[in-house]
Amino acid sequence: VSIVLPIVLSVCIFLSCYCFRRYSSII
């Protein structure tokens, strides 16, 4: 849990930032 959980959280944060920048004009 201590290894997998930070990795999953990091990937989720990266995807969120990417989607926000790409669709910022819509969002």
mmCIF file of all heavy atoms, coordinates in Angstrom:
data_MODEL
# 
_entry.id   MODEL 
# 
loop_
_atom_site.group_PDB 
_atom_site.id 
_atom_site.type_symbol 
_atom_site.label_atom_id 
_atom_site.label_alt_id 
_atom_site.label_comp_id 
_atom_site.label_asym_id 
_atom_site.label_entity_id 
_atom_site.label_seq_id 
_atom_site.pdbx_PDB_ins_code 
_atom_site.Cartn_x 
_atom_site.Cartn_y 
_atom_site.Cartn_z 
_atom_site.occupancy 
_atom_site.B_iso_or_equiv 
_atom_site.pdbx_formal_charge 
_atom_site.auth_seq_id 
_atom_site.auth_comp_id 
_atom_site.auth_asym_id 
_atom_site.auth_atom_id 
_atom_site.pdbx_PDB_model_num 
ATOM 1   N N   . VAL A 1 1  ? 0.828   -1.204 0.000   1.00 0.00 ? 1  VAL A N   1 
ATOM 2   C CA  . VAL A 1 1  ? 0.000   0.000  0.000   1.00 0.00 ? 1  VAL A CA  1 
ATOM 3   C C   . VAL A 1 1  ? 0.866   1.259  0.000   1.00 0.00 ? 1  VAL A C   1 
ATOM 4   O O   . VAL A 1 1  ? 0.600   2.224  -0.725  1.00 0.00 ? 1  VAL A O   1 
ATOM 5   C CB  . VAL A 1 1  ? -0.955  -0.010 1.212   1.00 0.00 ? 1  VAL A CB  1 
ATOM 6   C CG1 . VAL A 1 1  ? -1.659  1.330  1.350   1.00 0.00 ? 1  VAL A CG1 1 
ATOM 7   C CG2 . VAL A 1 1  ? -1.974  -1.121 1.064   1.00 0.00 ? 1  VAL A CG2 1 
ATOM 8   N N   . SER A 1 2  ? 1.931   1.256  0.793   1.00 0.00 ? 2  SER A N   1 
ATOM 9   C CA  . SER A 1 2  ? 2.787   2.439  0.878   1.00 0.00 ? 2  SER A CA  1 
ATOM 10  C C   . SER A 1 2  ? 3.524   2.719  -0.428  1.00 0.00 ? 2  SER A C   1 
ATOM 11  O O   . SER A 1 2  ? 3.935   3.853  -0.680  1.00 0.00 ? 2  SER A O   1 
ATOM 12  C CB  . SER A 1 2  ? 3.785   2.272  2.021   1.00 0.00 ? 2  SER A CB  1 
ATOM 13  O OG  . SER A 1 2  ? 4.629   1.162  1.776   1.00 0.00 ? 2  SER A OG  1 
ATOM 14  N N   . ILE A 1 3  ? 3.729   1.704  -1.272  1.00 0.00 ? 3  ILE A N   1 
ATOM 15  C CA  . ILE A 1 3  ? 4.405   1.919  -2.551  1.00 0.00 ? 3  ILE A CA  1 
ATOM 16  C C   . ILE A 1 3  ? 3.422   2.241  -3.667  1.00 0.00 ? 3  ILE A C   1 
ATOM 17  O O   . ILE A 1 3  ? 3.621   3.179  -4.453  1.00 0.00 ? 3  ILE A O   1 
ATOM 18  C CB  . ILE A 1 3  ? 5.245   0.670  -2.920  1.00 0.00 ? 3  ILE A CB  1 
ATOM 19  C CG1 . ILE A 1 3  ? 6.376   0.478  -1.897  1.00 0.00 ? 3  ILE A CG1 1 
ATOM 20  C CG2 . ILE A 1 3  ? 5.811   0.797  -4.331  1.00 0.00 ? 3  ILE A CG2 1 
ATOM 21  C CD1 . ILE A 1 3  ? 7.170   -0.802 -2.103  1.00 0.00 ? 3  ILE A CD1 1 
ATOM 22  N N   . VAL A 1 4  ? 2.360   1.472  -3.753  1.00 0.00 ? 4  VAL A N   1 
ATOM 23  C CA  . VAL A 1 4  ? 1.418   1.608  -4.871  1.00 0.00 ? 4  VAL A CA  1 
ATOM 24  C C   . VAL A 1 4  ? 0.586   2.876  -4.747  1.00 0.00 ? 4  VAL A C   1 
ATOM 25  O O   . VAL A 1 4  ? 0.350   3.575  -5.751  1.00 0.00 ? 4  VAL A O   1 
ATOM 26  C CB  . VAL A 1 4  ? 0.520   0.364  -4.963  1.00 0.00 ? 4  VAL A CB  1 
ATOM 27  C CG1 . VAL A 1 4  ? -0.572  0.558  -6.017  1.00 0.00 ? 4  VAL A CG1 1 
ATOM 28  C CG2 . VAL A 1 4  ? 1.356   -0.865 -5.272  1.00 0.00 ? 4  VAL A CG2 1 
ATOM 29  N N   . LEU A 1 5  ? 0.156   3.187  -3.569  1.00 0.00 ? 5  LEU A N   1 
ATOM 30  C CA  . LEU A 1 5  ? -0.742  4.321  -3.397  1.00 0.00 ? 5  LEU A CA  1 
ATOM 31  C C   . LEU A 1 5  ? -0.119  5.638  -3.857  1.00 0.00 ? 5  LEU A C   1 
ATOM 32  O O   . LEU A 1 5  ? -0.750  6.397  -4.600  1.00 0.00 ? 5  LEU A O   1 
ATOM 33  C CB  . LEU A 1 5  ? -1.188  4.405  -1.934  1.00 0.00 ? 5  LEU A CB  1 
ATOM 34  C CG  . LEU A 1 5  ? -2.244  5.456  -1.610  1.00 0.00 ? 5  LEU A CG  1 
ATOM 35  C CD1 . LEU A 1 5  ? -3.501  5.193  -2.441  1.00 0.00 ? 5  LEU A CD1 1 
ATOM 36  C CD2 . LEU A 1 5  ? -2.575  5.447  -0.129  1.00 0.00 ? 5  LEU A CD2 1 
ATOM 37  N N   . PRO A 1 6  ? 1.137   5.990  -3.506  1.00 0.00 ? 6  PRO A N   1 
ATOM 38  C CA  . PRO A 1 6  ? 1.711   7.248  -4.024  1.00 0.00 ? 6  PRO A CA  1 
ATOM 39  C C   . PRO A 1 6  ? 1.822   7.262  -5.546  1.00 0.00 ? 6  PRO A C   1 
ATOM 40  O O   . PRO A 1 6  ? 1.647   8.315  -6.176  1.00 0.00 ? 6  PRO A O   1 
ATOM 41  C CB  . PRO A 1 6  ? 3.087   7.293  -3.347  1.00 0.00 ? 6  PRO A CB  1 
ATOM 42  C CG  . PRO A 1 6  ? 2.954   6.468  -2.129  1.00 0.00 ? 6  PRO A CG  1 
ATOM 43  C CD  . PRO A 1 6  ? 2.026   5.367  -2.506  1.00 0.00 ? 6  PRO A CD  1 
ATOM 44  N N   . ILE A 1 7  ? 2.161   6.102  -6.152  1.00 0.00 ? 7  ILE A N   1 
ATOM 45  C CA  . ILE A 1 7  ? 2.267   6.056  -7.613  1.00 0.00 ? 7  ILE A CA  1 
ATOM 46  C C   . ILE A 1 7  ? 0.932   6.353  -8.271  1.00 0.00 ? 7  ILE A C   1 
ATOM 47  O O   . ILE A 1 7  ? 0.823   7.143  -9.216  1.00 0.00 ? 7  ILE A O   1 
ATOM 48  C CB  . ILE A 1 7  ? 2.816   4.688  -8.058  1.00 0.00 ? 7  ILE A CB  1 
ATOM 49  C CG1 . ILE A 1 7  ? 4.252   4.493  -7.550  1.00 0.00 ? 7  ILE A CG1 1 
ATOM 50  C CG2 . ILE A 1 7  ? 2.767   4.555  -9.577  1.00 0.00 ? 7  ILE A CG2 1 
ATOM 51  C CD1 . ILE A 1 7  ? 4.818   3.125  -7.836  1.00 0.00 ? 7  ILE A CD1 1 
ATOM 52  N N   . VAL A 1 8  ? -0.129  5.719  -7.763  1.00 0.00 ? 8  VAL A N   1 
ATOM 53  C CA  . VAL A 1 8  ? -1.463  5.942  -8.327  1.00 0.00 ? 8  VAL A CA  1 
ATOM 54  C C   . VAL A 1 8  ? -1.878  7.395  -8.175  1.00 0.00 ? 8  VAL A C   1 
ATOM 55  O O   . VAL A 1 8  ? -2.417  8.014  -9.105  1.00 0.00 ? 8  VAL A O   1 
ATOM 56  C CB  . VAL A 1 8  ? -2.481  4.996  -7.659  1.00 0.00 ? 8  VAL A CB  1 
ATOM 57  C CG1 . VAL A 1 8  ? -3.902  5.327  -8.108  1.00 0.00 ? 8  VAL A CG1 1 
ATOM 58  C CG2 . VAL A 1 8  ? -2.157  3.546  -7.997  1.00 0.00 ? 8  VAL A CG2 1 
ATOM 59  N N   . LEU A 1 9  ? -1.605  7.963  -7.029  1.00 0.00 ? 9  LEU A N   1 
ATOM 60  C CA  . LEU A 1 9  ? -1.968  9.365  -6.810  1.00 0.00 ? 9  LEU A CA  1 
ATOM 61  C C   . LEU A 1 9  ? -1.184  10.292 -7.736  1.00 0.00 ? 9  LEU A C   1 
ATOM 62  O O   . LEU A 1 9  ? -1.732  11.268 -8.276  1.00 0.00 ? 9  LEU A O   1 
ATOM 63  C CB  . LEU A 1 9  ? -1.711  9.739  -5.350  1.00 0.00 ? 9  LEU A CB  1 
ATOM 64  C CG  . LEU A 1 9  ? -2.665  9.125  -4.312  1.00 0.00 ? 9  LEU A CG  1 
ATOM 65  C CD1 . LEU A 1 9  ? -2.232  9.512  -2.911  1.00 0.00 ? 9  LEU A CD1 1 
ATOM 66  C CD2 . LEU A 1 9  ? -4.092  9.570  -4.562  1.00 0.00 ? 9  LEU A CD2 1 
ATOM 67  N N   . SER A 1 10 ? 0.095   10.005 -7.961  1.00 0.00 ? 10 SER A N   1 
ATOM 68  C CA  . SER A 1 10 ? 0.904   10.847 -8.846  1.00 0.00 ? 10 SER A CA  1 
ATOM 69  C C   . SER A 1 10 ? 0.387   10.804 -10.280 1.00 0.00 ? 10 SER A C   1 
ATOM 70  O O   . SER A 1 10 ? 0.289   11.840 -10.956 1.00 0.00 ? 10 SER A O   1 
ATOM 71  C CB  . SER A 1 10 ? 2.366   10.389 -8.805  1.00 0.00 ? 10 SER A CB  1 
ATOM 72  O OG  . SER A 1 10 ? 2.889   10.485 -7.495  1.00 0.00 ? 10 SER A OG  1 
ATOM 73  N N   . VAL A 1 11 ? 0.040   9.589  -10.769 1.00 0.00 ? 11 VAL A N   1 
ATOM 74  C CA  . VAL A 1 11 ? -0.494  9.466  -12.124 1.00 0.00 ? 11 VAL A CA  1 
ATOM 75  C C   . VAL A 1 11 ? -1.808  10.225 -12.265 1.00 0.00 ? 11 VAL A C   1 
ATOM 76  O O   . VAL A 1 11 ? -2.041  10.922 -13.261 1.00 0.00 ? 11 VAL A O   1 
ATOM 77  C CB  . VAL A 1 11 ? -0.666  7.978  -12.484 1.00 0.00 ? 11 VAL A CB  1 
ATOM 78  C CG1 . VAL A 1 11 ? -1.409  7.829  -13.812 1.00 0.00 ? 11 VAL A CG1 1 
ATOM 79  C CG2 . VAL A 1 11 ? 0.687   7.292  -12.561 1.00 0.00 ? 11 VAL A CG2 1 
ATOM 80  N N   . CYS A 1 12 ? -2.649  10.120 -11.287 1.00 0.00 ? 12 CYS A N   1 
ATOM 81  C CA  . CYS A 1 12 ? -3.938  10.824 -11.335 1.00 0.00 ? 12 CYS A CA  1 
ATOM 82  C C   . CYS A 1 12 ? -3.738  12.336 -11.367 1.00 0.00 ? 12 CYS A C   1 
ATOM 83  O O   . CYS A 1 12 ? -4.425  13.048 -12.118 1.00 0.00 ? 12 CYS A O   1 
ATOM 84  C CB  . CYS A 1 12 ? -4.795  10.409 -10.129 1.00 0.00 ? 12 CYS A CB  1 
ATOM 85  S SG  . CYS A 1 12 ? -5.360  8.699  -10.180 1.00 0.00 ? 12 CYS A SG  1 
ATOM 86  N N   . ILE A 1 13 ? -2.809  12.840 -10.570 1.00 0.00 ? 13 ILE A N   1 
ATOM 87  C CA  . ILE A 1 13 ? -2.555  14.286 -10.554 1.00 0.00 ? 13 ILE A CA  1 
ATOM 88  C C   . ILE A 1 13 ? -1.998  14.752 -11.907 1.00 0.00 ? 13 ILE A C   1 
ATOM 89  O O   . ILE A 1 13 ? -2.385  15.793 -12.437 1.00 0.00 ? 13 ILE A O   1 
ATOM 90  C CB  . ILE A 1 13 ? -1.594  14.634 -9.409  1.00 0.00 ? 13 ILE A CB  1 
ATOM 91  C CG1 . ILE A 1 13 ? -2.274  14.376 -8.053  1.00 0.00 ? 13 ILE A CG1 1 
ATOM 92  C CG2 . ILE A 1 13 ? -1.146  16.089 -9.499  1.00 0.00 ? 13 ILE A CG2 1 
ATOM 93  C CD1 . ILE A 1 13 ? -1.347  14.512 -6.874  1.00 0.00 ? 13 ILE A CD1 1 
ATOM 94  N N   . PHE A 1 14 ? -1.076  13.958 -12.511 1.00 0.00 ? 14 PHE A N   1 
ATOM 95  C CA  . PHE A 1 14 ? -0.493  14.322 -13.809 1.00 0.00 ? 14 PHE A CA  1 
ATOM 96  C C   . PHE A 1 14 ? -1.567  14.369 -14.890 1.00 0.00 ? 14 PHE A C   1 
ATOM 97  O O   . PHE A 1 14 ? -1.636  15.321 -15.684 1.00 0.00 ? 14 PHE A O   1 
ATOM 98  C CB  . PHE A 1 14 ? 0.599   13.320 -14.168 1.00 0.00 ? 14 PHE A CB  1 
ATOM 99  C CG  . PHE A 1 14 ? 1.162   13.530 -15.551 1.00 0.00 ? 14 PHE A CG  1 
ATOM 100 C CD1 . PHE A 1 14 ? 2.082   14.545 -15.804 1.00 0.00 ? 14 PHE A CD1 1 
ATOM 101 C CD2 . PHE A 1 14 ? 0.759   12.727 -16.612 1.00 0.00 ? 14 PHE A CD2 1 
ATOM 102 C CE1 . PHE A 1 14 ? 2.585   14.744 -17.084 1.00 0.00 ? 14 PHE A CE1 1 
ATOM 103 C CE2 . PHE A 1 14 ? 1.254   12.919 -17.881 1.00 0.00 ? 14 PHE A CE2 1 
ATOM 104 C CZ  . PHE A 1 14 ? 2.171   13.928 -18.124 1.00 0.00 ? 14 PHE A CZ  1 
ATOM 105 N N   . LEU A 1 15 ? -2.427  13.360 -14.958 1.00 0.00 ? 15 LEU A N   1 
ATOM 106 C CA  . LEU A 1 15 ? -3.495  13.340 -15.952 1.00 0.00 ? 15 LEU A CA  1 
ATOM 107 C C   . LEU A 1 15 ? -4.471  14.500 -15.741 1.00 0.00 ? 15 LEU A C   1 
ATOM 108 O O   . LEU A 1 15 ? -4.968  15.084 -16.710 1.00 0.00 ? 15 LEU A O   1 
ATOM 109 C CB  . LEU A 1 15 ? -4.230  12.004 -15.890 1.00 0.00 ? 15 LEU A CB  1 
ATOM 110 C CG  . LEU A 1 15 ? -3.430  10.775 -16.349 1.00 0.00 ? 15 LEU A CG  1 
ATOM 111 C CD1 . LEU A 1 15 ? -4.244  9.512  -16.149 1.00 0.00 ? 15 LEU A CD1 1 
ATOM 112 C CD2 . LEU A 1 15 ? -2.996  10.912 -17.811 1.00 0.00 ? 15 LEU A CD2 1 
ATOM 113 N N   . SER A 1 16 ? -4.726  14.830 -14.526 1.00 0.00 ? 16 SER A N   1 
ATOM 114 C CA  . SER A 1 16 ? -5.640  15.948 -14.250 1.00 0.00 ? 16 SER A CA  1 
ATOM 115 C C   . SER A 1 16 ? -5.053  17.260 -14.759 1.00 0.00 ? 16 SER A C   1 
ATOM 116 O O   . SER A 1 16 ? -5.757  18.073 -15.384 1.00 0.00 ? 16 SER A O   1 
ATOM 117 C CB  . SER A 1 16 ? -5.920  16.029 -12.747 1.00 0.00 ? 16 SER A CB  1 
ATOM 118 O OG  . SER A 1 16 ? -6.531  14.839 -12.297 1.00 0.00 ? 16 SER A OG  1 
ATOM 119 N N   . CYS A 1 17 ? -3.770  17.473 -14.517 1.00 0.00 ? 17 CYS A N   1 
ATOM 120 C CA  . CYS A 1 17 ? -3.137  18.712 -14.988 1.00 0.00 ? 17 CYS A CA  1 
ATOM 121 C C   . CYS A 1 17 ? -3.109  18.771 -16.514 1.00 0.00 ? 17 CYS A C   1 
ATOM 122 O O   . CYS A 1 17 ? -3.350  19.830 -17.123 1.00 0.00 ? 17 CYS A O   1 
ATOM 123 C CB  . CYS A 1 17 ? -1.712  18.815 -14.430 1.00 0.00 ? 17 CYS A CB  1 
ATOM 124 S SG  . CYS A 1 17 ? -1.646  18.994 -12.632 1.00 0.00 ? 17 CYS A SG  1 
ATOM 125 N N   . TYR A 1 18 ? -2.794  17.636 -17.166 1.00 0.00 ? 18 TYR A N   1 
ATOM 126 C CA  . TYR A 1 18 ? -2.749  17.603 -18.627 1.00 0.00 ? 18 TYR A CA  1 
ATOM 127 C C   . TYR A 1 18 ? -4.106  17.930 -19.234 1.00 0.00 ? 18 TYR A C   1 
ATOM 128 O O   . TYR A 1 18 ? -4.220  18.756 -20.156 1.00 0.00 ? 18 TYR A O   1 
ATOM 129 C CB  . TYR A 1 18 ? -2.271  16.233 -19.084 1.00 0.00 ? 18 TYR A CB  1 
ATOM 130 C CG  . TYR A 1 18 ? -2.341  16.035 -20.589 1.00 0.00 ? 18 TYR A CG  1 
ATOM 131 C CD1 . TYR A 1 18 ? -1.386  16.603 -21.444 1.00 0.00 ? 18 TYR A CD1 1 
ATOM 132 C CD2 . TYR A 1 18 ? -3.382  15.291 -21.153 1.00 0.00 ? 18 TYR A CD2 1 
ATOM 133 C CE1 . TYR A 1 18 ? -1.465  16.429 -22.815 1.00 0.00 ? 18 TYR A CE1 1 
ATOM 134 C CE2 . TYR A 1 18 ? -3.469  15.105 -22.514 1.00 0.00 ? 18 TYR A CE2 1 
ATOM 135 C CZ  . TYR A 1 18 ? -2.519  15.676 -23.349 1.00 0.00 ? 18 TYR A CZ  1 
ATOM 136 O OH  . TYR A 1 18 ? -2.598  15.508 -24.702 1.00 0.00 ? 18 TYR A OH  1 
ATOM 137 N N   . CYS A 1 19 ? -5.146  17.293 -18.738 1.00 0.00 ? 19 CYS A N   1 
ATOM 138 C CA  . CYS A 1 19 ? -6.499  17.543 -19.254 1.00 0.00 ? 19 CYS A CA  1 
ATOM 139 C C   . CYS A 1 19 ? -6.934  18.977 -18.995 1.00 0.00 ? 19 CYS A C   1 
ATOM 140 O O   . CYS A 1 19 ? -7.599  19.603 -19.837 1.00 0.00 ? 19 CYS A O   1 
ATOM 141 C CB  . CYS A 1 19 ? -7.481  16.564 -18.622 1.00 0.00 ? 19 CYS A CB  1 
ATOM 142 S SG  . CYS A 1 19 ? -7.222  14.843 -19.096 1.00 0.00 ? 19 CYS A SG  1 
ATOM 143 N N   . PHE A 1 20 ? -6.545  19.519 -17.887 1.00 0.00 ? 20 PHE A N   1 
ATOM 144 C CA  . PHE A 1 20 ? -6.945  20.893 -17.576 1.00 0.00 ? 20 PHE A CA  1 
ATOM 145 C C   . PHE A 1 20 ? -6.289  21.883 -18.542 1.00 0.00 ? 20 PHE A C   1 
ATOM 146 O O   . PHE A 1 20 ? -6.935  22.815 -19.023 1.00 0.00 ? 20 PHE A O   1 
ATOM 147 C CB  . PHE A 1 20 ? -6.580  21.216 -16.130 1.00 0.00 ? 20 PHE A CB  1 
ATOM 148 C CG  . PHE A 1 20 ? -6.983  22.584 -15.714 1.00 0.00 ? 20 PHE A CG  1 
ATOM 149 C CD1 . PHE A 1 20 ? -8.291  22.856 -15.334 1.00 0.00 ? 20 PHE A CD1 1 
ATOM 150 C CD2 . PHE A 1 20 ? -6.054  23.628 -15.709 1.00 0.00 ? 20 PHE A CD2 1 
ATOM 151 C CE1 . PHE A 1 20 ? -8.664  24.123 -14.950 1.00 0.00 ? 20 PHE A CE1 1 
ATOM 152 C CE2 . PHE A 1 20 ? -6.427  24.894 -15.334 1.00 0.00 ? 20 PHE A CE2 1 
ATOM 153 C CZ  . PHE A 1 20 ? -7.744  25.151 -14.953 1.00 0.00 ? 20 PHE A CZ  1 
ATOM 154 N N   . ARG A 1 21 ? -4.999  21.679 -18.816 1.00 0.00 ? 21 ARG A N   1 
ATOM 155 C CA  . ARG A 1 21 ? -4.309  22.597 -19.721 1.00 0.00 ? 21 ARG A CA  1 
ATOM 156 C C   . ARG A 1 21 ? -4.855  22.475 -21.147 1.00 0.00 ? 21 ARG A C   1 
ATOM 157 O O   . ARG A 1 21 ? -4.985  23.464 -21.863 1.00 0.00 ? 21 ARG A O   1 
ATOM 158 C CB  . ARG A 1 21 ? -2.803  22.319 -19.698 1.00 0.00 ? 21 ARG A CB  1 
ATOM 159 C CG  . ARG A 1 21 ? -2.130  22.757 -18.401 1.00 0.00 ? 21 ARG A CG  1 
ATOM 160 C CD  . ARG A 1 21 ? -0.648  22.418 -18.439 1.00 0.00 ? 21 ARG A CD  1 
ATOM 161 N NE  . ARG A 1 21 ? 0.029   23.104 -19.550 1.00 0.00 ? 21 ARG A NE  1 
ATOM 162 C CZ  . ARG A 1 21 ? 0.521   24.329 -19.493 1.00 0.00 ? 21 ARG A CZ  1 
ATOM 163 N NH1 . ARG A 1 21 ? 0.402   25.035 -18.369 1.00 0.00 ? 21 ARG A NH1 1 
ATOM 164 N NH2 . ARG A 1 21 ? 1.137   24.865 -20.534 1.00 0.00 ? 21 ARG A NH2 1 
ATOM 165 N N   . ARG A 1 22 ? -5.154  21.256 -21.576 1.00 0.00 ? 22 ARG A N   1 
ATOM 166 C CA  . ARG A 1 22 ? -5.608  21.059 -22.946 1.00 0.00 ? 22 ARG A CA  1 
ATOM 167 C C   . ARG A 1 22 ? -6.994  21.624 -23.168 1.00 0.00 ? 22 ARG A C   1 
ATOM 168 O O   . ARG A 1 22 ? -7.286  22.200 -24.226 1.00 0.00 ? 22 ARG A O   1 
ATOM 169 C CB  . ARG A 1 22 ? -5.581  19.571 -23.278 1.00 0.00 ? 22 ARG A CB  1 
ATOM 170 C CG  . ARG A 1 22 ? -5.978  19.267 -24.721 1.00 0.00 ? 22 ARG A CG  1 
ATOM 171 C CD  . ARG A 1 22 ? -5.737  17.833 -25.066 1.00 0.00 ? 22 ARG A CD  1 
ATOM 172 N NE  . ARG A 1 22 ? -6.089  17.555 -26.457 1.00 0.00 ? 22 ARG A NE  1 
ATOM 173 C CZ  . ARG A 1 22 ? -5.930  16.374 -27.050 1.00 0.00 ? 22 ARG A CZ  1 
ATOM 174 N NH1 . ARG A 1 22 ? -5.414  15.365 -26.343 1.00 0.00 ? 22 ARG A NH1 1 
ATOM 175 N NH2 . ARG A 1 22 ? -6.282  16.205 -28.303 1.00 0.00 ? 22 ARG A NH2 1 
ATOM 176 N N   . TYR A 1 23 ? -7.838  21.471 -22.221 1.00 0.00 ? 23 TYR A N   1 
ATOM 177 C CA  . TYR A 1 23 ? -9.231  21.903 -22.391 1.00 0.00 ? 23 TYR A CA  1 
ATOM 178 C C   . TYR A 1 23 ? -9.550  23.091 -21.490 1.00 0.00 ? 23 TYR A C   1 
ATOM 179 O O   . TYR A 1 23 ? -10.671 23.255 -21.032 1.00 0.00 ? 23 TYR A O   1 
ATOM 180 C CB  . TYR A 1 23 ? -10.184 20.742 -22.069 1.00 0.00 ? 23 TYR A CB  1 
ATOM 181 C CG  . TYR A 1 23 ? -9.982  19.537 -22.953 1.00 0.00 ? 23 TYR A CG  1 
ATOM 182 C CD1 . TYR A 1 23 ? -9.294  18.425 -22.479 1.00 0.00 ? 23 TYR A CD1 1 
ATOM 183 C CD2 . TYR A 1 23 ? -10.480 19.522 -24.256 1.00 0.00 ? 23 TYR A CD2 1 
ATOM 184 C CE1 . TYR A 1 23 ? -9.100  17.311 -23.287 1.00 0.00 ? 23 TYR A CE1 1 
ATOM 185 C CE2 . TYR A 1 23 ? -10.285 18.412 -25.070 1.00 0.00 ? 23 TYR A CE2 1 
ATOM 186 C CZ  . TYR A 1 23 ? -9.598  17.310 -24.581 1.00 0.00 ? 23 TYR A CZ  1 
ATOM 187 O OH  . TYR A 1 23 ? -9.417  16.212 -25.384 1.00 0.00 ? 23 TYR A OH  1 
ATOM 188 N N   . SER A 1 24 ? -8.545  23.921 -21.247 1.00 0.00 ? 24 SER A N   1 
ATOM 189 C CA  . SER A 1 24 ? -8.771  25.060 -20.360 1.00 0.00 ? 24 SER A CA  1 
ATOM 190 C C   . SER A 1 24 ? -9.744  26.061 -20.968 1.00 0.00 ? 24 SER A C   1 
ATOM 191 O O   . SER A 1 24 ? -10.513 26.714 -20.255 1.00 0.00 ? 24 SER A O   1 
ATOM 192 C CB  . SER A 1 24 ? -7.438  25.750 -20.050 1.00 0.00 ? 24 SER A CB  1 
ATOM 193 O OG  . SER A 1 24 ? -6.821  26.205 -21.264 1.00 0.00 ? 24 SER A OG  1 
ATOM 194 N N   . SER A 1 25 ? -9.721  26.206 -22.334 1.00 0.00 ? 25 SER A N   1 
ATOM 195 C CA  . SER A 1 25 ? -10.654 27.151 -22.972 1.00 0.00 ? 25 SER A CA  1 
ATOM 196 C C   . SER A 1 25 ? -12.098 26.716 -22.807 1.00 0.00 ? 25 SER A C   1 
ATOM 197 O O   . SER A 1 25 ? -13.016 27.540 -22.804 1.00 0.00 ? 25 SER A O   1 
ATOM 198 C CB  . SER A 1 25 ? -10.310 27.292 -24.457 1.00 0.00 ? 25 SER A CB  1 
ATOM 199 O OG  . SER A 1 25 ? -10.421 26.031 -25.107 1.00 0.00 ? 25 SER A OG  1 
ATOM 200 N N   . ILE A 1 26 ? -12.319 25.409 -22.677 1.00 0.00 ? 26 ILE A N   1 
ATOM 201 C CA  . ILE A 1 26 ? -13.689 24.894 -22.476 1.00 0.00 ? 26 ILE A CA  1 
ATOM 202 C C   . ILE A 1 26 ? -14.050 24.899 -21.004 1.00 0.00 ? 26 ILE A C   1 
ATOM 203 O O   . ILE A 1 26 ? -15.150 25.280 -20.602 1.00 0.00 ? 26 ILE A O   1 
ATOM 204 C CB  . ILE A 1 26 ? -13.811 23.468 -23.061 1.00 0.00 ? 26 ILE A CB  1 
ATOM 205 C CG1 . ILE A 1 26 ? -13.533 23.497 -24.571 1.00 0.00 ? 26 ILE A CG1 1 
ATOM 206 C CG2 . ILE A 1 26 ? -15.196 22.893 -22.784 1.00 0.00 ? 26 ILE A CG2 1 
ATOM 207 C CD1 . ILE A 1 26 ? -13.501 22.115 -25.200 1.00 0.00 ? 26 ILE A CD1 1 
ATOM 208 N N   . ILE A 1 27 ? -13.086 24.461 -20.228 1.00 0.00 ? 27 ILE A N   1 
ATOM 209 C CA  . ILE A 1 27 ? -13.368 24.378 -18.787 1.00 0.00 ? 27 ILE A CA  1 
ATOM 210 C C   . ILE A 1 27 ? -13.478 25.767 -18.187 1.00 0.00 ? 27 ILE A C   1 
ATOM 211 O O   . ILE A 1 27 ? -14.396 26.047 -17.399 1.00 0.00 ? 27 ILE A O   1 
ATOM 212 C CB  . ILE A 1 27 ? -12.255 23.572 -18.091 1.00 0.00 ? 27 ILE A CB  1 
ATOM 213 C CG1 . ILE A 1 27 ? -12.223 22.142 -18.641 1.00 0.00 ? 27 ILE A CG1 1 
ATOM 214 C CG2 . ILE A 1 27 ? -12.484 23.550 -16.584 1.00 0.00 ? 27 ILE A CG2 1 
ATOM 215 C CD1 . ILE A 1 27 ? -11.061 21.325 -18.120 1.00 0.00 ? 27 ILE A CD1 1 
# 
